[in-house]
Amino acid sequence: RTFCVSAYKALSVLATDAPSEMFDSYRLFAAYHTLRLISYNDATHSCGLPIHQEMAVGLASAFDASTLIEIVDFGAGMAQESRCIAEILRVKHGRTARLHLFDIPTPRKSLLDFTCRKFDGFQCIVHDVLNSTKIPPLAHAVFATEVLEHMYPPQTMGFQEELARALVPRGLFRGNVGDHGKEFMHVNPNTAKSWIGWLKQHAFRKLRGGLYQRSGTLVV
């Protein structure tokens, strides 16, 4: 762990790259990146986990039946989990969800947009993070899986501000806020340090590992 922490600090100079430099690197590996993402299980093959059922039940019961459930997936990739929840809400609970999917515009973006329009029974809005990273207001669920641990402190603070602004009371936050102390040159080994106290301070209640609900009363 000590070695990984030291390596992370040494490589932090990369966090000072201009956004254009980072996006250029993604363009260079865009085809490989897309192939890697589509190698994961699709949403229709990974919806059987208890956490997915619990999230769908929680959203359906927390918000009025007439509410359009707004789901944000930040660093969406192919949005396997968020699409999964939207599908369960539609099929098992008769609820309508709209997805806001944020990521870098590699070829994956076009594929995801096509998949949502052609095969999914709900609306997907694919957001280009080159243009904006602002989360739409009145979000009922925010996903940030496999992304928080890749952020350096300035990016973490910016995302936390957006989460606090946009997620409504009783809304759900799904994110990996644990440490990654043994993953060399890949992620922040001290992710928890940036998140655990912040979640408590902003009235997030832990439901299970990686799943939190924001406390408070929704004012309509």
Protein backbone atom coordinates (compact mmCIF):
# COMPACT_ATOMS: atom_id res chain seq x y z
CA ARG A 1 0.00 0.00 0.00
CA THR A 2 2.83 2.40 0.85
CA PHE A 3 4.34 1.86 -2.57
CA CYS A 4 1.00 2.45 -4.32
CA VAL A 5 0.41 5.66 -2.36
CA SER A 6 3.86 6.93 -3.34
CA ALA A 7 3.28 6.05 -7.00
CA TYR A 8 -0.06 7.82 -6.97
CA LYS A 9 1.55 10.98 -5.60
CA ALA A 10 4.36 10.82 -8.17
CA LEU A 11 1.90 10.50 -11.02
CA SER A 12 -0.31 13.32 -9.74
CA VAL A 13 1.51 15.63 -12.14
CA LEU A 14 -0.75 14.14 -14.81
CA ALA A 15 -3.70 15.77 -13.04
CA THR A 16 -2.39 19.13 -14.22
CA ASP A 17 -2.83 18.17 -17.88
CA ALA A 18 -5.17 20.45 -19.76
CA PRO A 19 -8.57 18.90 -20.56
CA SER A 20 -7.66 18.97 -24.24
CA GLU A 21 -4.60 16.78 -23.54
CA MET A 22 -6.66 14.23 -21.63
CA PHE A 23 -9.34 14.08 -24.29
CA ASP A 24 -6.70 13.70 -27.00
CA SER A 25 -5.37 10.63 -25.18
CA TYR A 26 -8.86 9.13 -25.11
CA ARG A 27 -9.21 9.73 -28.84
CA LEU A 28 -5.92 7.92 -29.43
CA PHE A 29 -7.22 4.78 -27.68
CA ALA A 30 -10.89 5.27 -28.57
CA ALA A 31 -11.36 2.06 -30.54
CA TYR A 32 -9.69 -0.10 -27.88
CA HIS A 33 -11.65 1.66 -25.15
CA THR A 34 -14.95 0.95 -26.92
CA LEU A 35 -14.10 -2.73 -27.46
CA ARG A 36 -13.19 -3.09 -23.80
CA LEU A 37 -16.47 -1.59 -22.63
CA ILE A 38 -18.68 -3.73 -24.85
CA SER A 39 -16.90 -6.84 -23.56
CA TYR A 40 -18.65 -6.35 -20.21
CA ASN A 41 -21.99 -8.01 -19.54
CA ASP A 42 -24.87 -6.03 -21.01
CA ALA A 43 -27.52 -4.65 -18.69
CA THR A 44 -29.99 -7.38 -19.62
CA HIS A 45 -27.54 -10.04 -18.39
CA SER A 46 -26.57 -8.44 -15.06
CA CYS A 47 -29.84 -7.33 -13.49
CA GLY A 48 -30.23 -10.16 -11.03
CA LEU A 49 -28.18 -8.71 -8.20
CA PRO A 50 -30.04 -7.85 -4.99
CA ILE A 51 -28.69 -4.28 -5.04
CA HIS A 52 -30.41 -3.62 -8.38
CA GLN A 53 -33.75 -4.88 -7.11
CA GLU A 54 -33.34 -2.86 -3.90
CA MET A 55 -32.58 0.32 -5.81
CA ALA A 56 -35.60 -0.09 -8.06
CA VAL A 57 -37.89 -0.76 -5.09
CA GLY A 58 -36.41 2.19 -3.22
CA LEU A 59 -36.96 4.60 -6.11
CA ALA A 60 -40.45 3.34 -6.88
CA SER A 61 -41.55 3.65 -3.25
CA ALA A 62 -39.84 6.98 -2.47
CA PHE A 63 -41.38 9.00 -5.28
CA ASP A 64 -44.94 9.52 -6.43
CA ALA A 65 -46.23 7.32 -9.24
CA SER A 66 -46.57 10.32 -11.54
CA THR A 67 -42.89 11.25 -11.11
CA LEU A 68 -40.56 10.80 -14.04
CA ILE A 69 -37.54 9.22 -12.37
CA GLU A 70 -34.38 11.00 -13.46
CA ILE A 71 -31.28 8.78 -13.32
CA VAL A 72 -27.79 10.20 -13.84
CA ASP A 73 -24.84 7.96 -14.75
CA PHE A 74 -21.54 9.84 -14.51
CA GLY A 75 -18.68 8.13 -16.33
CA ALA A 76 -21.35 5.89 -17.81
CA GLY A 77 -19.35 3.64 -20.11
CA MET A 78 -22.12 1.45 -21.55
CA ALA A 79 -24.37 2.32 -18.58
CA GLN A 80 -24.99 -1.31 -17.62
CA GLU A 81 -26.22 -0.61 -14.10
CA SER A 82 -28.29 2.49 -14.73
CA ARG A 83 -29.99 0.89 -17.74
CA CYS A 84 -30.62 -2.15 -15.58
CA ILE A 85 -32.44 -0.08 -12.93
CA ALA A 86 -34.50 1.73 -15.56
CA GLU A 87 -35.52 -1.63 -17.04
CA ILE A 88 -36.58 -3.04 -13.66
CA LEU A 89 -38.56 0.12 -12.92
CA ARG A 90 -40.36 -0.17 -16.25
CA VAL A 91 -41.07 -3.91 -16.23
CA LYS A 92 -41.69 -4.68 -12.55
CA HIS A 93 -42.98 -1.37 -11.19
CA GLY A 94 -44.64 0.27 -14.18
CA ARG A 95 -42.51 3.38 -13.71
CA THR A 96 -40.92 5.62 -16.30
CA ALA A 97 -37.28 6.61 -16.01
CA ARG A 98 -35.11 8.93 -18.06
CA LEU A 99 -31.35 8.42 -18.15
CA HIS A 100 -28.70 11.12 -18.36
CA LEU A 101 -25.46 9.45 -19.41
CA PHE A 102 -22.19 11.38 -19.02
CA ASP A 103 -18.89 10.33 -20.54
CA ILE A 104 -16.12 11.21 -22.98
CA PRO A 105 -17.31 11.03 -26.62
CA THR A 106 -15.45 7.98 -27.92
CA PRO A 107 -17.19 5.66 -30.46
CA ARG A 108 -18.88 4.11 -27.42
CA LYS A 109 -21.12 7.18 -27.24
CA SER A 110 -22.71 6.51 -30.64
CA LEU A 111 -23.13 2.82 -29.82
CA LEU A 112 -24.78 3.62 -26.50
CA ASP A 113 -27.10 6.15 -28.10
CA PHE A 114 -28.10 3.57 -30.74
CA THR A 115 -28.66 0.86 -28.11
CA CYS A 116 -30.93 3.11 -26.05
CA ARG A 117 -33.02 4.20 -29.04
CA LYS A 118 -33.23 0.79 -30.71
CA PHE A 119 -33.55 -1.69 -27.86
CA ASP A 120 -34.29 0.01 -24.53
CA GLY A 121 -37.79 1.00 -23.49
CA PHE A 122 -36.83 4.31 -21.91
CA GLN A 123 -35.31 7.63 -22.86
CA CYS A 124 -31.55 8.13 -22.75
CA ILE A 125 -29.86 11.52 -23.07
CA VAL A 126 -26.16 11.11 -23.82
CA HIS A 127 -24.18 14.07 -22.45
CA ASP A 128 -20.77 15.02 -23.76
CA VAL A 129 -18.45 15.92 -20.88
CA LEU A 130 -16.40 18.05 -23.26
CA ASN A 131 -19.32 20.48 -23.18
CA SER A 132 -20.53 20.23 -19.58
CA THR A 133 -20.25 18.11 -16.44
CA LYS A 134 -23.21 19.70 -14.66
CA ILE A 135 -25.69 17.14 -13.36
CA PRO A 136 -29.31 17.94 -14.25
CA PRO A 137 -31.24 19.27 -11.22
CA LEU A 138 -33.78 17.11 -9.37
CA ALA A 139 -31.95 13.85 -9.99
CA HIS A 140 -33.53 10.87 -8.20
CA ALA A 141 -30.50 8.59 -8.55
CA VAL A 142 -26.87 9.23 -9.38
CA PHE A 143 -24.48 6.48 -10.45
CA ALA A 144 -20.71 6.97 -10.37
CA THR A 145 -19.34 3.44 -10.41
CA GLU A 146 -15.76 2.77 -11.50
CA VAL A 147 -15.06 6.50 -11.77
CA LEU A 148 -14.66 8.16 -8.35
CA GLU A 149 -11.41 6.36 -7.61
CA HIS A 150 -9.91 7.81 -10.79
CA MET A 151 -10.41 11.41 -9.68
CA TYR A 152 -7.82 13.67 -8.11
CA PRO A 153 -8.97 15.99 -5.28
CA PRO A 154 -9.99 18.97 -7.48
CA GLN A 155 -12.19 16.74 -9.64
CA THR A 156 -13.61 15.00 -6.57
CA MET A 157 -14.60 18.31 -4.99
CA GLY A 158 -16.26 19.46 -8.20
CA PHE A 159 -18.30 16.28 -8.48
CA GLN A 160 -19.32 16.45 -4.81
CA GLU A 161 -20.62 19.98 -5.34
CA GLU A 162 -22.71 18.77 -8.27
CA LEU A 163 -24.02 15.78 -6.32
CA ALA A 164 -25.04 17.94 -3.36
CA ARG A 165 -26.77 20.42 -5.65
CA ALA A 166 -28.63 17.99 -7.87
CA LEU A 167 -29.67 14.88 -5.90
CA VAL A 168 -33.06 15.26 -4.26
CA PRO A 169 -33.85 14.12 -0.68
CA ARG A 170 -34.56 10.37 -0.58
CA GLY A 171 -32.55 10.06 -3.79
CA LEU A 172 -29.99 7.28 -4.18
CA PHE A 173 -26.26 7.55 -4.78
CA ARG A 174 -24.43 4.50 -6.13
CA GLY A 175 -20.65 4.86 -6.10
CA ASN A 176 -17.46 3.09 -5.16
CA VAL A 177 -16.12 5.20 -2.29
CA GLY A 178 -13.80 2.58 -0.82
CA ASP A 179 -10.01 2.60 -0.83
CA HIS A 180 -7.96 0.98 -3.58
CA GLY A 181 -4.71 0.62 -1.71
CA LYS A 182 -3.26 -2.21 -3.80
CA GLU A 183 -4.06 -1.10 -7.35
CA PHE A 184 -0.75 0.29 -8.57
CA MET A 185 -0.81 3.21 -11.04
CA HIS A 186 -4.52 2.85 -11.61
CA VAL A 187 -6.62 4.60 -8.98
CA ASN A 188 -6.54 6.78 -5.87
CA PRO A 189 -5.48 4.49 -2.98
CA ASN A 190 -7.19 6.82 -0.50
CA THR A 191 -10.60 7.32 -2.09
CA ALA A 192 -12.43 6.81 1.21
CA LYS A 193 -10.64 9.76 2.79
CA SER A 194 -12.38 12.10 0.33
CA TRP A 195 -15.80 10.55 0.64
CA ILE A 196 -16.80 8.94 3.93
CA GLY A 197 -16.82 12.13 5.99
CA TRP A 198 -18.37 14.13 3.15
CA LEU A 199 -21.29 11.72 2.82
CA LYS A 200 -22.03 11.92 6.55
CA GLN A 201 -21.75 15.71 6.52
CA HIS A 202 -24.26 15.96 3.70
CA ALA A 203 -26.82 13.62 5.28
CA PHE A 204 -26.27 10.51 3.21
CA ARG A 205 -27.31 7.28 4.91
CA LYS A 206 -25.48 4.08 4.01
CA LEU A 207 -27.88 1.35 2.85
CA ARG A 208 -25.23 -1.19 1.86
CA GLY A 209 -21.73 -1.16 0.41
CA GLY A 210 -21.61 1.39 -2.39
CA LEU A 211 -25.23 2.54 -1.97
CA TYR A 212 -26.37 5.64 -0.07
CA GLN A 213 -29.66 7.48 0.35
CA ARG A 214 -29.89 11.20 0.91
CA SER A 215 -31.90 12.13 3.98
CA GLY A 216 -34.49 14.87 4.17
CA THR A 217 -37.94 15.65 2.88
CA LEU A 218 -38.68 16.32 -0.75
CA VAL A 219 -40.42 19.66 -1.21
CA VAL A 220 -42.72 19.72 -4.24
